[in-house]
Amino acid sequence: MEEVPDVRDPRTGPNREPVSRARSGTIGRRSPRTGTEPVTARSPLRLRLLLAAVFLPLFLAGTVLFGTWAARSDAGDSPGRGPLILLAVVCGVLALTALLDLTVVLRRLRRERGTAH
């Protein structure tokens, strides 16, 4: 009879080393560095800043436009009051998202420059 080789995974055995919490991600664990990714990889914070700065006023204007249009619409108008209110709410949520992203990006840029206290 032929012997079966031991094919146990060293990452799951009883003698495995614990993984530090710094490596664990929000959804499971992050992959270890392979050495092929750049060490100085940077997030596109300037692009996010530009997009948030452009779309925040647009979504605010959409919220105001659709909100006032819904307030001035009558029962028989097309589009009706319901879809206009929905559009105003969607624009408001997107404006809030752009505002939150703007604050996060500004905070990260300040921290990169070393001026955050």
C-alpha atoms as a PDB file:
ATOM      1  CA  MET A   1       0.000   0.000   0.000  1.00  0.00           C
ATOM      2  CA  GLU A   2       1.092   3.495  -0.826  1.00  0.00           C
ATOM      3  CA  GLU A   3       1.443   6.135   1.904  1.00  0.00           C
ATOM      4  CA  VAL A   4      -0.679   9.286   1.633  1.00  0.00           C
ATOM      5  CA  PRO A   5       1.443  12.436   1.961  1.00  0.00           C
ATOM      6  CA  ASP A   6       0.592  14.954   4.652  1.00  0.00           C
ATOM      7  CA  VAL A   7      -1.185  17.764   2.777  1.00  0.00           C
ATOM      8  CA  ARG A   8      -2.299  19.876   5.707  1.00  0.00           C
ATOM      9  CA  ASP A   9      -2.262  23.627   5.159  1.00  0.00           C
ATOM     10  CA  PRO A  10       0.177  25.319   7.584  1.00  0.00           C
ATOM     11  CA  ARG A  11      -2.190  28.315   7.834  1.00  0.00           C
ATOM     12  CA  THR A  12      -4.971  26.216   9.364  1.00  0.00           C
ATOM     13  CA  GLY A  13      -3.070  23.773  11.579  1.00  0.00           C
ATOM     14  CA  PRO A  14      -2.692  23.966  15.360  1.00  0.00           C
ATOM     15  CA  ASN A  15       0.858  25.375  15.049  1.00  0.00           C
ATOM     16  CA  ARG A  16      -0.053  28.335  12.853  1.00  0.00           C
ATOM     17  CA  GLU A  17       1.071  31.801  13.862  1.00  0.00           C
ATOM     18  CA  PRO A  18      -1.670  34.284  14.771  1.00  0.00           C
ATOM     19  CA  VAL A  19      -2.439  37.038  12.291  1.00  0.00           C
ATOM     20  CA  SER A  20      -2.160  40.538  13.709  1.00  0.00           C
ATOM     21  CA  ARG A  21      -5.331  42.633  13.888  1.00  0.00           C
ATOM     22  CA  ALA A  22      -3.647  45.253  11.712  1.00  0.00           C
ATOM     23  CA  ARG A  23      -3.824  42.821   8.793  1.00  0.00           C
ATOM     24  CA  SER A  24      -7.463  41.896   9.254  1.00  0.00           C
ATOM     25  CA  GLY A  25      -9.835  43.791   6.995  1.00  0.00           C
ATOM     26  CA  THR A  26     -13.462  44.781   7.377  1.00  0.00           C
ATOM     27  CA  ILE A  27     -14.620  41.811   5.350  1.00  0.00           C
ATOM     28  CA  GLY A  28     -12.269  38.977   6.174  1.00  0.00           C
ATOM     29  CA  ARG A  29      -8.524  39.234   6.030  1.00  0.00           C
ATOM     30  CA  ARG A  30      -6.408  41.151   3.579  1.00  0.00           C
ATOM     31  CA  SER A  31      -3.953  39.294   1.406  1.00  0.00           C
ATOM     32  CA  PRO A  32      -0.314  39.541   2.428  1.00  0.00           C
ATOM     33  CA  ARG A  33       1.938  41.775   0.370  1.00  0.00           C
ATOM     34  CA  THR A  34       3.371  39.997  -2.652  1.00  0.00           C
ATOM     35  CA  GLY A  35       6.051  42.572  -3.382  1.00  0.00           C
ATOM     36  CA  THR A  36       4.627  43.478  -6.777  1.00  0.00           C
ATOM     37  CA  GLU A  37       2.435  46.357  -5.599  1.00  0.00           C
ATOM     38  CA  PRO A  38       3.960  49.821  -5.170  1.00  0.00           C
ATOM     39  CA  VAL A  39       5.018  50.666  -1.645  1.00  0.00           C
ATOM     40  CA  THR A  40       4.086  54.310  -2.117  1.00  0.00           C
ATOM     41  CA  ALA A  41       0.632  53.718  -3.644  1.00  0.00           C
ATOM     42  CA  ARG A  42      -1.613  56.698  -3.082  1.00  0.00           C
ATOM     43  CA  SER A  43      -5.340  57.174  -3.113  1.00  0.00           C
ATOM     44  CA  PRO A  44      -6.631  59.622  -5.741  1.00  0.00           C
ATOM     45  CA  LEU A  45      -7.604  62.190  -3.110  1.00  0.00           C
ATOM     46  CA  ARG A  46      -7.299  65.178  -5.433  1.00  0.00           C
ATOM     47  CA  LEU A  47      -9.688  63.584  -7.937  1.00  0.00           C
ATOM     48  CA  ARG A  48     -12.160  62.776  -5.160  1.00  0.00           C
ATOM     49  CA  LEU A  49     -11.852  66.365  -3.932  1.00  0.00           C
ATOM     50  CA  LEU A  50     -12.579  67.701  -7.421  1.00  0.00           C
ATOM     51  CA  LEU A  51     -15.560  65.377  -7.964  1.00  0.00           C
ATOM     52  CA  ALA A  52     -17.075  66.136  -4.562  1.00  0.00           C
ATOM     53  CA  ALA A  53     -16.581  69.887  -5.052  1.00  0.00           C
ATOM     54  CA  VAL A  54     -18.249  69.769  -8.475  1.00  0.00           C
ATOM     55  CA  PHE A  55     -21.161  67.481  -7.639  1.00  0.00           C
ATOM     56  CA  LEU A  56     -22.077  68.888  -4.209  1.00  0.00           C
ATOM     57  CA  PRO A  57     -23.498  72.158  -5.647  1.00  0.00           C
ATOM     58  CA  LEU A  58     -25.126  70.280  -8.534  1.00  0.00           C
ATOM     59  CA  PHE A  59     -26.954  67.895  -6.214  1.00  0.00           C
ATOM     60  CA  LEU A  60     -27.927  70.754  -3.895  1.00  0.00           C
ATOM     61  CA  ALA A  61     -29.346  72.654  -6.873  1.00  0.00           C
ATOM     62  CA  GLY A  62     -31.223  69.511  -7.963  1.00  0.00           C
ATOM     63  CA  THR A  63     -32.661  69.128  -4.468  1.00  0.00           C
ATOM     64  CA  VAL A  64     -33.903  72.722  -4.455  1.00  0.00           C
ATOM     65  CA  LEU A  65     -35.188  72.542  -8.039  1.00  0.00           C
ATOM     66  CA  PHE A  66     -37.133  69.302  -7.625  1.00  0.00           C
ATOM     67  CA  GLY A  67     -38.363  70.316  -4.174  1.00  0.00           C
ATOM     68  CA  THR A  68     -39.789  73.635  -5.354  1.00  0.00           C
ATOM     69  CA  TRP A  69     -41.194  72.000  -8.501  1.00  0.00           C
ATOM     70  CA  ALA A  70     -42.944  69.409  -6.337  1.00  0.00           C
ATOM     71  CA  ALA A  71     -44.301  72.117  -4.010  1.00  0.00           C
ATOM     72  CA  ARG A  72     -45.746  74.092  -6.938  1.00  0.00           C
ATOM     73  CA  SER A  73     -47.189  71.132  -8.859  1.00  0.00           C
ATOM     74  CA  ASP A  74     -50.948  70.503  -8.916  1.00  0.00           C
ATOM     75  CA  ALA A  75     -52.803  67.198  -8.760  1.00  0.00           C
ATOM     76  CA  GLY A  76     -53.100  66.749 -12.546  1.00  0.00           C
ATOM     77  CA  ASP A  77     -49.600  67.843 -13.515  1.00  0.00           C
ATOM     78  CA  SER A  78     -47.150  65.537 -15.197  1.00  0.00           C
ATOM     79  CA  PRO A  79     -44.768  64.517 -13.684  1.00  0.00           C
ATOM     80  CA  GLY A  80     -46.697  64.157 -10.486  1.00  0.00           C
ATOM     81  CA  ARG A  81     -45.720  65.322  -7.049  1.00  0.00           C
ATOM     82  CA  GLY A  82     -44.514  61.848  -5.951  1.00  0.00           C
ATOM     83  CA  PRO A  83     -41.759  61.388  -8.533  1.00  0.00           C
ATOM     84  CA  LEU A  84     -40.566  64.947  -8.010  1.00  0.00           C
ATOM     85  CA  ILE A  85     -40.318  64.413  -4.260  1.00  0.00           C
ATOM     86  CA  LEU A  86     -38.437  61.175  -4.890  1.00  0.00           C
ATOM     87  CA  LEU A  87     -35.987  62.993  -7.172  1.00  0.00           C
ATOM     88  CA  ALA A  88     -35.523  65.714  -4.553  1.00  0.00           C
ATOM     89  CA  VAL A  89     -34.789  63.092  -1.870  1.00  0.00           C
ATOM     90  CA  VAL A  90     -32.330  61.232  -4.123  1.00  0.00           C
ATOM     91  CA  CYS A  91     -30.512  64.473  -4.945  1.00  0.00           C
ATOM     92  CA  GLY A  92     -30.446  65.349  -1.238  1.00  0.00           C
ATOM     93  CA  VAL A  93     -28.919  61.981  -0.318  1.00  0.00           C
ATOM     94  CA  LEU A  94     -26.309  62.322  -3.062  1.00  0.00           C
ATOM     95  CA  ALA A  95     -25.511  65.864  -1.876  1.00  0.00           C
ATOM     96  CA  LEU A  96     -25.054  64.560   1.660  1.00  0.00           C
ATOM     97  CA  THR A  97     -22.773  61.802   0.360  1.00  0.00           C
ATOM     98  CA  ALA A  98     -20.692  64.333  -1.590  1.00  0.00           C
ATOM     99  CA  LEU A  99     -20.445  66.535   1.509  1.00  0.00           C
ATOM    100  CA  LEU A 100     -19.272  63.633   3.672  1.00  0.00           C
ATOM    101  CA  ASP A 101     -16.724  62.596   1.059  1.00  0.00           C
ATOM    102  CA  LEU A 102     -15.501  66.179   0.823  1.00  0.00           C
ATOM    103  CA  THR A 103     -14.928  66.346   4.580  1.00  0.00           C
ATOM    104  CA  VAL A 104     -13.143  62.977   4.637  1.00  0.00           C
ATOM    105  CA  VAL A 105     -10.871  63.939   1.741  1.00  0.00           C
ATOM    106  CA  LEU A 106     -10.017  67.307   3.281  1.00  0.00           C
ATOM    107  CA  ARG A 107      -9.218  65.661   6.614  1.00  0.00           C
ATOM    108  CA  ARG A 108      -6.953  63.091   4.917  1.00  0.00           C
ATOM    109  CA  LEU A 109      -5.165  65.769   2.895  1.00  0.00           C
ATOM    110  CA  ARG A 110      -4.568  67.785   6.071  1.00  0.00           C
ATOM    111  CA  ARG A 111      -3.223  64.679   7.810  1.00  0.00           C
ATOM    112  CA  GLU A 112      -0.871  63.986   4.856  1.00  0.00           C
ATOM    113  CA  ARG A 113       0.526  67.495   5.079  1.00  0.00           C
ATOM    114  CA  GLY A 114       0.997  67.128   8.824  1.00  0.00           C
ATOM    115  CA  THR A 115      -1.217  70.070   9.784  1.00  0.00           C
ATOM    116  CA  ALA A 116      -3.974  68.072  11.536  1.00  0.00           C
ATOM    117  CA  HIS A 117      -4.140  68.477  15.316  1.00  0.00           C
END
